[in-house]
Amino acid sequence: MELKDLLDKLNKYSSQDTSLLEKAYNFAKKAHTGQKRLSGEIYFTHCLAVSDILLDFKMDIETVAAGLLHDVIEDTAVTHEEFKEEFGEEVYTLVMGITKIAALKFSSFGDAQAENWRKMLLATARDIRVIIIKLA
């Protein structure tokens, strides 16, 4: 999947300006250059897959952009300040919500289940899009 594919999919249900999505695509691709998943797959492929799912859900452009960028702060040299300056408070808040969920550590599977649901519900109270991105 390439940028054109994402834009075509978005344009099927939205007439929003696509510049944020284009910027997020290019930024995430550059930030993840050289990174691979444990499977050996290029890391950016995962970011594209998340965004593709979000487009299937017909999410707004900020959510799709956050899907592309969801691991940039956590897994690259990009700073919080640089990210906020590039993408603004809304996308930053979504990405940080995902990062907080990903950082949860538990002592047992049962504890993990209960605590995971609690944290997800608390995050949902602020912005349901965080949960949707994480589940994508």
C-alpha atoms as a PDB file:
ATOM      1  CA  MET A   1       0.000   0.000   0.000  1.00  0.00           C
ATOM      2  CA  GLU A   2       1.242   3.454  -0.903  1.00  0.00           C
ATOM      3  CA  LEU A   3       0.127   7.004  -0.140  1.00  0.00           C
ATOM      4  CA  LYS A   4      -2.025   7.100  -3.272  1.00  0.00           C
ATOM      5  CA  ASP A   5      -3.968   4.049  -2.047  1.00  0.00           C
ATOM      6  CA  LEU A   6      -4.656   5.705   1.321  1.00  0.00           C
ATOM      7  CA  LEU A   7      -5.766   8.936  -0.332  1.00  0.00           C
ATOM      8  CA  ASP A   8      -8.030   7.099  -2.787  1.00  0.00           C
ATOM      9  CA  LYS A   9      -9.660   5.220   0.077  1.00  0.00           C
ATOM     10  CA  LEU A  10     -10.142   8.424   2.103  1.00  0.00           C
ATOM     11  CA  ASN A  11     -11.594  10.294  -0.863  1.00  0.00           C
ATOM     12  CA  LYS A  12     -14.320   7.647  -1.251  1.00  0.00           C
ATOM     13  CA  TYR A  13     -16.019   8.906   1.910  1.00  0.00           C
ATOM     14  CA  SER A  14     -14.482  12.287   2.743  1.00  0.00           C
ATOM     15  CA  SER A  15     -13.728  15.557   1.025  1.00  0.00           C
ATOM     16  CA  GLN A  16     -11.342  16.687   3.789  1.00  0.00           C
ATOM     17  CA  ASP A  17      -8.048  18.321   2.867  1.00  0.00           C
ATOM     18  CA  THR A  18      -5.535  15.480   2.582  1.00  0.00           C
ATOM     19  CA  SER A  19      -2.397  17.470   3.399  1.00  0.00           C
ATOM     20  CA  LEU A  20      -2.299  16.193   7.015  1.00  0.00           C
ATOM     21  CA  LEU A  21      -2.442  12.592   5.839  1.00  0.00           C
ATOM     22  CA  GLU A  22       0.255  13.187   3.223  1.00  0.00           C
ATOM     23  CA  LYS A  23       2.472  14.861   5.819  1.00  0.00           C
ATOM     24  CA  ALA A  24       1.906  12.035   8.340  1.00  0.00           C
ATOM     25  CA  TYR A  25       2.698   9.385   5.723  1.00  0.00           C
ATOM     26  CA  ASN A  26       5.974  11.017   4.714  1.00  0.00           C
ATOM     27  CA  PHE A  27       6.976  11.807   8.307  1.00  0.00           C
ATOM     28  CA  ALA A  28       6.287   8.283   9.607  1.00  0.00           C
ATOM     29  CA  LYS A  29       7.981   6.647   6.622  1.00  0.00           C
ATOM     30  CA  LYS A  30      11.114   8.732   7.163  1.00  0.00           C
ATOM     31  CA  ALA A  31      11.086   8.298  10.963  1.00  0.00           C
ATOM     32  CA  HIS A  32      10.826   4.494  10.685  1.00  0.00           C
ATOM     33  CA  THR A  33      13.445   4.152   7.929  1.00  0.00           C
ATOM     34  CA  GLY A  34      15.614   1.104   8.576  1.00  0.00           C
ATOM     35  CA  GLN A  35      13.343  -0.326  11.285  1.00  0.00           C
ATOM     36  CA  LYS A  36      12.012  -3.865  11.020  1.00  0.00           C
ATOM     37  CA  ARG A  37       9.489  -5.854  13.009  1.00  0.00           C
ATOM     38  CA  LEU A  38      10.512  -9.104  14.719  1.00  0.00           C
ATOM     39  CA  SER A  39       9.130 -10.918  11.664  1.00  0.00           C
ATOM     40  CA  GLY A  40      11.645  -9.079   9.469  1.00  0.00           C
ATOM     41  CA  GLU A  41       8.899  -7.028   7.833  1.00  0.00           C
ATOM     42  CA  ILE A  42       9.617  -3.340   7.236  1.00  0.00           C
ATOM     43  CA  TYR A  43       8.147  -1.517  10.246  1.00  0.00           C
ATOM     44  CA  PHE A  44       6.319   1.125   8.229  1.00  0.00           C
ATOM     45  CA  THR A  45       4.179  -1.657   6.711  1.00  0.00           C
ATOM     46  CA  HIS A  46       2.530  -2.030  10.135  1.00  0.00           C
ATOM     47  CA  CYS A  47       1.750   1.706  10.246  1.00  0.00           C
ATOM     48  CA  LEU A  48       0.153   1.477   6.811  1.00  0.00           C
ATOM     49  CA  ALA A  49      -1.925  -1.525   7.870  1.00  0.00           C
ATOM     50  CA  VAL A  50      -3.237   0.330  10.931  1.00  0.00           C
ATOM     51  CA  SER A  51      -4.193   3.328   8.794  1.00  0.00           C
ATOM     52  CA  ASP A  52      -5.839   1.086   6.218  1.00  0.00           C
ATOM     53  CA  ILE A  53      -8.057  -0.422   8.925  1.00  0.00           C
ATOM     54  CA  LEU A  54      -8.929   3.046  10.216  1.00  0.00           C
ATOM     55  CA  LEU A  55      -9.924   4.058   6.690  1.00  0.00           C
ATOM     56  CA  ASP A  56     -12.140   0.954   6.515  1.00  0.00           C
ATOM     57  CA  PHE A  57     -13.852   2.335   9.648  1.00  0.00           C
ATOM     58  CA  LYS A  58     -14.223   5.686   7.824  1.00  0.00           C
ATOM     59  CA  MET A  59     -12.375   7.545  10.555  1.00  0.00           C
ATOM     60  CA  ASP A  60     -11.548  11.255  10.360  1.00  0.00           C
ATOM     61  CA  ILE A  61      -8.230  12.368   8.908  1.00  0.00           C
ATOM     62  CA  GLU A  62      -6.662  13.156  12.320  1.00  0.00           C
ATOM     63  CA  THR A  63      -7.328   9.599  13.479  1.00  0.00           C
ATOM     64  CA  VAL A  64      -5.896   8.083  10.294  1.00  0.00           C
ATOM     65  CA  ALA A  65      -2.830  10.324  10.613  1.00  0.00           C
ATOM     66  CA  ALA A  66      -2.407   9.206  14.241  1.00  0.00           C
ATOM     67  CA  GLY A  67      -2.592   5.609  13.019  1.00  0.00           C
ATOM     68  CA  LEU A  68       0.330   6.248  10.692  1.00  0.00           C
ATOM     69  CA  LEU A  69       2.254   8.036  13.438  1.00  0.00           C
ATOM     70  CA  HIS A  70       1.294   5.921  16.452  1.00  0.00           C
ATOM     71  CA  ASP A  71       4.811   4.596  17.146  1.00  0.00           C
ATOM     72  CA  VAL A  72       6.887   7.582  16.032  1.00  0.00           C
ATOM     73  CA  ILE A  73       7.396   9.101  19.490  1.00  0.00           C
ATOM     74  CA  GLU A  74       7.874   5.751  21.205  1.00  0.00           C
ATOM     75  CA  ASP A  75      10.163   4.052  18.679  1.00  0.00           C
ATOM     76  CA  THR A  76      12.140   6.792  16.898  1.00  0.00           C
ATOM     77  CA  ALA A  77      14.313   9.795  17.733  1.00  0.00           C
ATOM     78  CA  VAL A  78      11.443  12.247  17.153  1.00  0.00           C
ATOM     79  CA  THR A  79      10.865  14.392  20.254  1.00  0.00           C
ATOM     80  CA  HIS A  80       7.531  15.317  21.793  1.00  0.00           C
ATOM     81  CA  GLU A  81       8.134  18.961  20.938  1.00  0.00           C
ATOM     82  CA  GLU A  82       9.007  18.230  17.315  1.00  0.00           C
ATOM     83  CA  PHE A  83       5.942  16.015  16.960  1.00  0.00           C
ATOM     84  CA  LYS A  84       3.581  18.607  18.468  1.00  0.00           C
ATOM     85  CA  GLU A  85       5.009  21.318  16.263  1.00  0.00           C
ATOM     86  CA  GLU A  86       4.502  19.203  13.133  1.00  0.00           C
ATOM     87  CA  PHE A  87       1.068  17.727  13.882  1.00  0.00           C
ATOM     88  CA  GLY A  88      -0.618  19.780  16.584  1.00  0.00           C
ATOM     89  CA  GLU A  89      -2.234  18.960  19.886  1.00  0.00           C
ATOM     90  CA  GLU A  90      -5.065  16.735  18.605  1.00  0.00           C
ATOM     91  CA  VAL A  91      -2.886  14.197  16.765  1.00  0.00           C
ATOM     92  CA  TYR A  92      -0.288  14.374  19.562  1.00  0.00           C
ATOM     93  CA  THR A  93      -2.941  13.559  22.185  1.00  0.00           C
ATOM     94  CA  LEU A  94      -4.148  10.559  20.179  1.00  0.00           C
ATOM     95  CA  VAL A  95      -0.613   9.210  19.738  1.00  0.00           C
ATOM     96  CA  MET A  96       0.211   9.698  23.424  1.00  0.00           C
ATOM     97  CA  GLY A  97      -2.991   7.874  24.394  1.00  0.00           C
ATOM     98  CA  ILE A  98      -1.898   4.887  22.313  1.00  0.00           C
ATOM     99  CA  THR A  99       1.600   5.030  23.798  1.00  0.00           C
ATOM    100  CA  LYS A 100       0.180   4.986  27.339  1.00  0.00           C
ATOM    101  CA  ILE A 101      -1.937   1.917  26.596  1.00  0.00           C
ATOM    102  CA  ALA A 102       1.051   0.145  25.018  1.00  0.00           C
ATOM    103  CA  ALA A 103       3.156   0.842  28.114  1.00  0.00           C
ATOM    104  CA  LEU A 104       0.873  -1.083  30.473  1.00  0.00           C
ATOM    105  CA  LYS A 105       2.694  -3.918  32.277  1.00  0.00           C
ATOM    106  CA  PHE A 106       1.015  -6.528  34.472  1.00  0.00           C
ATOM    107  CA  SER A 107       2.072  -9.218  36.925  1.00  0.00           C
ATOM    108  CA  SER A 108      -0.407 -11.865  35.783  1.00  0.00           C
ATOM    109  CA  PHE A 109      -2.765 -12.496  32.902  1.00  0.00           C
ATOM    110  CA  GLY A 110      -5.865 -12.031  35.112  1.00  0.00           C
ATOM    111  CA  ASP A 111      -4.551  -8.731  36.429  1.00  0.00           C
ATOM    112  CA  ALA A 112      -3.692  -7.717  32.901  1.00  0.00           C
ATOM    113  CA  GLN A 113      -7.214  -8.408  31.666  1.00  0.00           C
ATOM    114  CA  ALA A 114      -8.931  -6.423  34.410  1.00  0.00           C
ATOM    115  CA  GLU A 115      -6.461  -3.559  34.388  1.00  0.00           C
ATOM    116  CA  ASN A 116      -6.422  -3.393  30.590  1.00  0.00           C
ATOM    117  CA  TRP A 117     -10.193  -2.964  30.465  1.00  0.00           C
ATOM    118  CA  ARG A 118     -10.110  -0.362  33.202  1.00  0.00           C
ATOM    119  CA  LYS A 119      -7.400   1.659  31.457  1.00  0.00           C
ATOM    120  CA  MET A 120      -9.140   1.370  28.114  1.00  0.00           C
ATOM    121  CA  LEU A 121     -12.403   2.602  29.576  1.00  0.00           C
ATOM    122  CA  LEU A 122     -10.670   5.552  31.221  1.00  0.00           C
ATOM    123  CA  ALA A 123      -8.971   6.411  27.947  1.00  0.00           C
ATOM    124  CA  THR A 124     -12.296   6.075  26.144  1.00  0.00           C
ATOM    125  CA  ALA A 125     -13.821   8.693  28.396  1.00  0.00           C
ATOM    126  CA  ARG A 126     -11.332  11.179  26.921  1.00  0.00           C
ATOM    127  CA  ASP A 127     -11.306  10.120  23.275  1.00  0.00           C
ATOM    128  CA  ILE A 128     -12.731   6.895  21.841  1.00  0.00           C
ATOM    129  CA  ARG A 129     -10.422   7.243  18.831  1.00  0.00           C
ATOM    130  CA  VAL A 130      -7.446   6.174  20.974  1.00  0.00           C
ATOM    131  CA  ILE A 131      -9.077   2.780  21.528  1.00  0.00           C
ATOM    132  CA  ILE A 132     -10.054   2.414  17.876  1.00  0.00           C
ATOM    133  CA  ILE A 133      -6.481   3.100  16.739  1.00  0.00           C
ATOM    134  CA  LYS A 134      -5.059   0.669  19.306  1.00  0.00           C
ATOM    135  CA  LEU A 135      -7.462  -2.076  18.261  1.00  0.00           C
ATOM    136  CA  ALA A 136      -6.722  -1.493  14.570  1.00  0.00           C
END
